[in-house]
Amino acid sequence: QLTVPELHADKGLHLESVDKARDSRMR
């Protein structure tokens, strides 16, 4: 239901990067 920018801002889903990930795309 959300746009890509909204995904990154949504506090409910809490899309976040993974610290020290070997793949920078990991969330």
PDB file of all heavy atoms in Angstrom:
ATOM      1  N   GLN A   1       0.808  -1.217   0.000  1.00  0.00           N
ATOM      2  CA  GLN A   1       0.000   0.000   0.000  1.00  0.00           C
ATOM      3  C   GLN A   1       0.844   1.271   0.000  1.00  0.00           C
ATOM      4  O   GLN A   1       0.351   2.354  -0.303  1.00  0.00           O
ATOM      5  CB  GLN A   1      -0.921   0.010   1.223  1.00  0.00           C
ATOM      6  CG  GLN A   1      -1.963  -1.105   1.218  1.00  0.00           C
ATOM      7  CD  GLN A   1      -2.678  -1.222   2.556  1.00  0.00           C
ATOM      8  OE1 GLN A   1      -2.404  -0.465   3.489  1.00  0.00           O
ATOM      9  NE2 GLN A   1      -3.594  -2.177   2.653  1.00  0.00           N
ATOM     10  N   LEU A   2       2.121   1.149   0.357  1.00  0.00           N
ATOM     11  CA  LEU A   2       2.973   2.324   0.519  1.00  0.00           C
ATOM     12  C   LEU A   2       3.887   2.521  -0.683  1.00  0.00           C
ATOM     13  O   LEU A   2       4.224   1.569  -1.383  1.00  0.00           O
ATOM     14  CB  LEU A   2       3.828   2.172   1.788  1.00  0.00           C
ATOM     15  CG  LEU A   2       3.060   1.944   3.097  1.00  0.00           C
ATOM     16  CD1 LEU A   2       4.038   1.701   4.240  1.00  0.00           C
ATOM     17  CD2 LEU A   2       2.171   3.138   3.411  1.00  0.00           C
ATOM     18  N   THR A   3       4.295   3.736  -0.894  1.00  0.00           N
ATOM     19  CA  THR A   3       5.319   4.007  -1.895  1.00  0.00           C
ATOM     20  C   THR A   3       6.672   3.628  -1.310  1.00  0.00           C
ATOM     21  O   THR A   3       6.808   3.418  -0.095  1.00  0.00           O
ATOM     22  CB  THR A   3       5.332   5.488  -2.279  1.00  0.00           C
ATOM     23  OG1 THR A   3       5.703   6.260  -1.126  1.00  0.00           O
ATOM     24  CG2 THR A   3       3.962   5.934  -2.779  1.00  0.00           C
ATOM     25  N   VAL A   4       7.693   3.574  -2.161  1.00  0.00           N
ATOM     26  CA  VAL A   4       9.022   3.203  -1.669  1.00  0.00           C
ATOM     27  C   VAL A   4       9.521   4.195  -0.612  1.00  0.00           C
ATOM     28  O   VAL A   4      10.023   3.782   0.439  1.00  0.00           O
ATOM     29  CB  VAL A   4      10.014   3.081  -2.847  1.00  0.00           C
ATOM     30  CG1 VAL A   4      11.431   2.850  -2.323  1.00  0.00           C
ATOM     31  CG2 VAL A   4       9.600   1.939  -3.772  1.00  0.00           C
ATOM     32  N   PRO A   5       9.403   5.491  -0.814  1.00  0.00           N
ATOM     33  CA  PRO A   5       9.831   6.416   0.245  1.00  0.00           C
ATOM     34  C   PRO A   5       9.038   6.217   1.538  1.00  0.00           C
ATOM     35  O   PRO A   5       9.588   6.321   2.638  1.00  0.00           O
ATOM     36  CB  PRO A   5       9.577   7.805  -0.366  1.00  0.00           C
ATOM     37  CG  PRO A   5       9.629   7.578  -1.841  1.00  0.00           C
ATOM     38  CD  PRO A   5       9.031   6.229  -2.052  1.00  0.00           C
ATOM     39  N   GLU A   6       7.726   5.954   1.407  1.00  0.00           N
ATOM     40  CA  GLU A   6       6.901   5.739   2.597  1.00  0.00           C
ATOM     41  C   GLU A   6       7.324   4.482   3.349  1.00  0.00           C
ATOM     42  O   GLU A   6       7.238   4.430   4.581  1.00  0.00           O
ATOM     43  CB  GLU A   6       5.427   5.637   2.197  1.00  0.00           C
ATOM     44  CG  GLU A   6       4.823   6.974   1.761  1.00  0.00           C
ATOM     45  CD  GLU A   6       3.422   6.807   1.184  1.00  0.00           C
ATOM     46  OE1 GLU A   6       3.086   5.674   0.743  1.00  0.00           O
ATOM     47  OE2 GLU A   6       2.670   7.792   1.167  1.00  0.00           O
ATOM     48  N   LEU A   7       7.787   3.467   2.601  1.00  0.00           N
ATOM     49  CA  LEU A   7       8.253   2.236   3.253  1.00  0.00           C
ATOM     50  C   LEU A   7       9.390   2.536   4.210  1.00  0.00           C
ATOM     51  O   LEU A   7       9.426   2.041   5.344  1.00  0.00           O
ATOM     52  CB  LEU A   7       8.729   1.224   2.203  1.00  0.00           C
ATOM     53  CG  LEU A   7       7.690   0.358   1.508  1.00  0.00           C
ATOM     54  CD1 LEU A   7       8.353  -0.522   0.467  1.00  0.00           C
ATOM     55  CD2 LEU A   7       6.961  -0.512   2.530  1.00  0.00           C
ATOM     56  N   HIS A   8      10.330   3.340   3.749  1.00  0.00           N
ATOM     57  CA  HIS A   8      11.500   3.647   4.574  1.00  0.00           C
ATOM     58  C   HIS A   8      11.133   4.514   5.772  1.00  0.00           C
ATOM     59  O   HIS A   8      11.827   4.483   6.798  1.00  0.00           O
ATOM     60  CB  HIS A   8      12.567   4.352   3.724  1.00  0.00           C
ATOM     61  CG  HIS A   8      13.200   3.457   2.705  1.00  0.00           C
ATOM     62  ND1 HIS A   8      14.222   2.581   3.004  1.00  0.00           N
ATOM     63  CD2 HIS A   8      12.938   3.289   1.381  1.00  0.00           C
ATOM     64  CE1 HIS A   8      14.573   1.917   1.914  1.00  0.00           C
ATOM     65  NE2 HIS A   8      13.812   2.324   0.912  1.00  0.00           N
ATOM     66  N   ALA A   9      10.038   5.238   5.662  1.00  0.00           N
ATOM     67  CA  ALA A   9       9.648   6.139   6.749  1.00  0.00           C
ATOM     68  C   ALA A   9       8.644   5.523   7.713  1.00  0.00           C
ATOM     69  O   ALA A   9       8.461   6.022   8.830  1.00  0.00           O
ATOM     70  CB  ALA A   9       9.070   7.438   6.164  1.00  0.00           C
ATOM     71  N   ASP A  10       7.997   4.423   7.292  1.00  0.00           N
ATOM     72  CA  ASP A  10       6.926   3.847   8.103  1.00  0.00           C
ATOM     73  C   ASP A  10       7.479   3.233   9.395  1.00  0.00           C
ATOM     74  O   ASP A  10       8.364   2.375   9.363  1.00  0.00           O
ATOM     75  CB  ASP A  10       6.185   2.768   7.296  1.00  0.00           C
ATOM     76  CG  ASP A  10       4.940   2.303   8.022  1.00  0.00           C
ATOM     77  OD1 ASP A  10       3.895   2.938   7.869  1.00  0.00           O
ATOM     78  OD2 ASP A  10       5.034   1.295   8.758  1.00  0.00           O
ATOM     79  N   LYS A  11       6.930   3.661  10.533  1.00  0.00           N
ATOM     80  CA  LYS A  11       7.418   3.172  11.824  1.00  0.00           C
ATOM     81  C   LYS A  11       6.844   1.806  12.180  1.00  0.00           C
ATOM     82  O   LYS A  11       7.396   1.098  13.012  1.00  0.00           O
ATOM     83  CB  LYS A  11       7.078   4.189  12.919  1.00  0.00           C
ATOM     84  CG  LYS A  11       7.808   5.515  12.768  1.00  0.00           C
ATOM     85  CD  LYS A  11       7.481   6.470  13.908  1.00  0.00           C
ATOM     86  CE  LYS A  11       8.240   7.785  13.744  1.00  0.00           C
ATOM     87  NZ  LYS A  11       7.930   8.737  14.852  1.00  0.00           N
ATOM     88  N   GLY A  12       5.718   1.465  11.556  1.00  0.00           N
ATOM     89  CA  GLY A  12       5.123   0.162  11.847  1.00  0.00           C
ATOM     90  C   GLY A  12       5.923  -0.977  11.252  1.00  0.00           C
ATOM     91  O   GLY A  12       6.270  -1.946  11.934  1.00  0.00           O
ATOM     92  N   LEU A  13       6.255  -0.851   9.967  1.00  0.00           N
ATOM     93  CA  LEU A  13       7.072  -1.886   9.324  1.00  0.00           C
ATOM     94  C   LEU A  13       8.524  -1.828   9.794  1.00  0.00           C
ATOM     95  O   LEU A  13       9.196  -2.851   9.894  1.00  0.00           O
ATOM     96  CB  LEU A  13       7.027  -1.720   7.800  1.00  0.00           C
ATOM     97  CG  LEU A  13       5.746  -2.170   7.105  1.00  0.00           C
ATOM     98  CD1 LEU A  13       5.805  -1.859   5.622  1.00  0.00           C
ATOM     99  CD2 LEU A  13       5.510  -3.661   7.317  1.00  0.00           C
ATOM    100  N   HIS A  14       8.985  -0.628  10.064  1.00  0.00           N
ATOM    101  CA  HIS A  14      10.342  -0.436  10.578  1.00  0.00           C
ATOM    102  C   HIS A  14      11.371  -1.106   9.662  1.00  0.00           C
ATOM    103  O   HIS A  14      12.144  -1.980  10.085  1.00  0.00           O
ATOM    104  CB  HIS A  14      10.442  -0.988  12.004  1.00  0.00           C
ATOM    105  CG  HIS A  14      11.651  -0.485  12.756  1.00  0.00           C
ATOM    106  ND1 HIS A  14      11.888   0.842  12.960  1.00  0.00           N
ATOM    107  CD2 HIS A  14      12.689  -1.147  13.332  1.00  0.00           C
ATOM    108  CE1 HIS A  14      13.011   0.998  13.643  1.00  0.00           C
ATOM    109  NE2 HIS A  14      13.521  -0.199  13.878  1.00  0.00           N
ATOM    110  N   LEU A  15      11.365  -0.721   8.390  1.00  0.00           N
ATOM    111  CA  LEU A  15      12.331  -1.234   7.428  1.00  0.00           C
ATOM    112  C   LEU A  15      13.697  -0.650   7.751  1.00  0.00           C
ATOM    113  O   LEU A  15      13.894   0.563   7.680  1.00  0.00           O
ATOM    114  CB  LEU A  15      11.896  -0.839   6.007  1.00  0.00           C
ATOM    115  CG  LEU A  15      12.747  -1.341   4.853  1.00  0.00           C
ATOM    116  CD1 LEU A  15      12.598  -2.845   4.696  1.00  0.00           C
ATOM    117  CD2 LEU A  15      12.352  -0.632   3.563  1.00  0.00           C
ATOM    118  N   GLU A  16      14.656  -1.498   8.116  1.00  0.00           N
ATOM    119  CA  GLU A  16      15.956  -0.980   8.521  1.00  0.00           C
ATOM    120  C   GLU A  16      17.094  -1.829   7.966  1.00  0.00           C
ATOM    121  O   GLU A  16      16.924  -3.019   7.673  1.00  0.00           O
ATOM    122  CB  GLU A  16      16.068  -0.919  10.041  1.00  0.00           C
ATOM    123  CG  GLU A  16      15.990  -2.259  10.744  1.00  0.00           C
ATOM    124  CD  GLU A  16      16.168  -2.132  12.249  1.00  0.00           C
ATOM    125  OE1 GLU A  16      16.125  -1.010  12.765  1.00  0.00           O
ATOM    126  OE2 GLU A  16      16.362  -3.179  12.901  1.00  0.00           O
ATOM    127  N   SER A  17      18.237  -1.199   7.793  1.00  0.00           N
ATOM    128  CA  SER A  17      19.420  -1.890   7.292  1.00  0.00           C
ATOM    129  C   SER A  17      19.959  -2.852   8.339  1.00  0.00           C
ATOM    130  O   SER A  17      19.660  -2.740   9.533  1.00  0.00           O
ATOM    131  CB  SER A  17      20.506  -0.879   6.914  1.00  0.00           C
ATOM    132  OG  SER A  17      20.035   0.016   5.930  1.00  0.00           O
ATOM    133  N   VAL A  18      20.762  -3.792   7.871  1.00  0.00           N
ATOM    134  CA  VAL A  18      21.373  -4.777   8.765  1.00  0.00           C
ATOM    135  C   VAL A  18      22.828  -4.393   8.989  1.00  0.00           C
ATOM    136  O   VAL A  18      23.600  -4.263   8.029  1.00  0.00           O
ATOM    137  CB  VAL A  18      21.280  -6.198   8.168  1.00  0.00           C
ATOM    138  CG1 VAL A  18      22.010  -7.207   9.039  1.00  0.00           C
ATOM    139  CG2 VAL A  18      19.819  -6.596   8.009  1.00  0.00           C
ATOM    140  N   ASP A  19      23.191  -4.209  10.244  1.00  0.00           N
ATOM    141  CA  ASP A  19      24.541  -3.785  10.595  1.00  0.00           C
ATOM    142  C   ASP A  19      25.558  -4.838  10.162  1.00  0.00           C
ATOM    143  O   ASP A  19      25.375  -6.038  10.377  1.00  0.00           O
ATOM    144  CB  ASP A  19      24.627  -3.556  12.105  1.00  0.00           C
ATOM    145  CG  ASP A  19      25.954  -2.940  12.510  1.00  0.00           C
ATOM    146  OD1 ASP A  19      26.476  -2.105  11.741  1.00  0.00           O
ATOM    147  OD2 ASP A  19      26.475  -3.316  13.586  1.00  0.00           O
ATOM    148  N   LYS A  20      26.641  -4.402   9.540  1.00  0.00           N
ATOM    149  CA  LYS A  20      27.749  -5.267   9.110  1.00  0.00           C
ATOM    150  C   LYS A  20      27.306  -6.355   8.137  1.00  0.00           C
ATOM    151  O   LYS A  20      27.895  -7.436   8.077  1.00  0.00           O
ATOM    152  CB  LYS A  20      28.442  -5.899  10.323  1.00  0.00           C
ATOM    153  CG  LYS A  20      29.067  -4.885  11.268  1.00  0.00           C
ATOM    154  CD  LYS A  20      29.736  -5.571  12.456  1.00  0.00           C
ATOM    155  CE  LYS A  20      30.342  -4.554  13.403  1.00  0.00           C
ATOM    156  NZ  LYS A  20      30.980  -5.219  14.592  1.00  0.00           N
ATOM    157  N   ALA A  21      26.272  -6.083   7.363  1.00  0.00           N
ATOM    158  CA  ALA A  21      25.789  -7.072   6.392  1.00  0.00           C
ATOM    159  C   ALA A  21      26.766  -7.182   5.229  1.00  0.00           C
ATOM    160  O   ALA A  21      27.301  -6.177   4.757  1.00  0.00           O
ATOM    161  CB  ALA A  21      24.412  -6.677   5.877  1.00  0.00           C
ATOM    162  N   ARG A  22      26.983  -8.419   4.751  1.00  0.00           N
ATOM    163  CA  ARG A  22      27.849  -8.628   3.593  1.00  0.00           C
ATOM    164  C   ARG A  22      27.142  -8.254   2.297  1.00  0.00           C
ATOM    165  O   ARG A  22      27.784  -8.091   1.274  1.00  0.00           O
ATOM    166  CB  ARG A  22      28.304 -10.090   3.551  1.00  0.00           C
ATOM    167  CG  ARG A  22      29.080 -10.516   4.791  1.00  0.00           C
ATOM    168  CD  ARG A  22      30.295  -9.610   5.040  1.00  0.00           C
ATOM    169  NE  ARG A  22      31.265  -9.732   3.986  1.00  0.00           N
ATOM    170  CZ  ARG A  22      32.263 -10.622   3.993  1.00  0.00           C
ATOM    171  NH1 ARG A  22      32.402 -11.447   5.027  1.00  0.00           N
ATOM    172  NH2 ARG A  22      33.114 -10.678   3.010  1.00  0.00           N
ATOM    173  N   ASP A  23      25.820  -8.141   2.366  1.00  0.00           N
ATOM    174  CA  ASP A  23      25.037  -7.665   1.220  1.00  0.00           C
ATOM    175  C   ASP A  23      24.359  -6.372   1.653  1.00  0.00           C
ATOM    176  O   ASP A  23      23.491  -6.372   2.537  1.00  0.00           O
ATOM    177  CB  ASP A  23      23.993  -8.711   0.812  1.00  0.00           C
ATOM    178  CG  ASP A  23      23.372  -8.415  -0.549  1.00  0.00           C
ATOM    179  OD1 ASP A  23      23.126  -7.235  -0.837  1.00  0.00           O
ATOM    180  OD2 ASP A  23      23.131  -9.373  -1.304  1.00  0.00           O
ATOM    181  N   SER A  24      24.757  -5.256   1.040  1.00  0.00           N
ATOM    182  CA  SER A  24      24.267  -3.940   1.475  1.00  0.00           C
ATOM    183  C   SER A  24      22.768  -3.763   1.258  1.00  0.00           C
ATOM    184  O   SER A  24      22.165  -2.828   1.789  1.00  0.00           O
ATOM    185  CB  SER A  24      25.020  -2.835   0.719  1.00  0.00           C
ATOM    186  OG  SER A  24      24.790  -2.953  -0.687  1.00  0.00           O
ATOM    187  N   ARG A  25      22.149  -4.660   0.497  1.00  0.00           N
ATOM    188  CA  ARG A  25      20.707  -4.554   0.221  1.00  0.00           C
ATOM    189  C   ARG A  25      19.855  -5.220   1.294  1.00  0.00           C
ATOM    190  O   ARG A  25      18.613  -5.158   1.231  1.00  0.00           O
ATOM    191  CB  ARG A  25      20.408  -5.174  -1.142  1.00  0.00           C
ATOM    192  CG  ARG A  25      21.108  -4.500  -2.307  1.00  0.00           C
ATOM    193  CD  ARG A  25      21.025  -5.330  -3.567  1.00  0.00           C
ATOM    194  NE  ARG A  25      21.731  -6.603  -3.424  1.00  0.00           N
ATOM    195  CZ  ARG A  25      21.799  -7.541  -4.367  1.00  0.00           C
ATOM    196  NH1 ARG A  25      21.185  -7.339  -5.528  1.00  0.00           N
ATOM    197  NH2 ARG A  25      22.456  -8.661  -4.155  1.00  0.00           N
ATOM    198  N   MET A  26      20.475  -5.870   2.260  1.00  0.00           N
ATOM    199  CA  MET A  26      19.730  -6.582   3.297  1.00  0.00           C
ATOM    200  C   MET A  26      18.976  -5.611   4.197  1.00  0.00           C
ATOM    201  O   MET A  26      19.519  -4.611   4.674  1.00  0.00           O
ATOM    202  CB  MET A  26      20.670  -7.428   4.153  1.00  0.00           C
ATOM    203  CG  MET A  26      21.105  -8.723   3.519  1.00  0.00           C
ATOM    204  SD  MET A  26      19.737  -9.892   3.429  1.00  0.00           S
ATOM    205  CE  MET A  26      20.592 -11.314   2.717  1.00  0.00           C
ATOM    206  N   ARG A  27      17.678  -5.925   4.442  1.00  0.00           N
ATOM    207  CA  ARG A  27      16.837  -5.147   5.337  1.00  0.00           C
ATOM    208  C   ARG A  27      16.016  -6.106   6.205  1.00  0.00           C
ATOM    209  O   ARG A  27      15.810  -7.271   5.845  1.00  0.00           O
ATOM    210  CB  ARG A  27      15.860  -4.250   4.551  1.00  0.00           C
ATOM    211  CG  ARG A  27      16.512  -3.318   3.553  1.00  0.00           C
ATOM    212  CD  ARG A  27      17.210  -2.149   4.243  1.00  0.00           C
ATOM    213  NE  ARG A  27      17.663  -1.172   3.262  1.00  0.00           N
ATOM    214  CZ  ARG A  27      18.839  -1.224   2.648  1.00  0.00           C
ATOM    215  NH1 ARG A  27      19.674  -2.227   2.909  1.00  0.00           N
ATOM    216  NH2 ARG A  27      19.192  -0.289   1.780  1.00  0.00           N
TER     217      ARG A  27
END
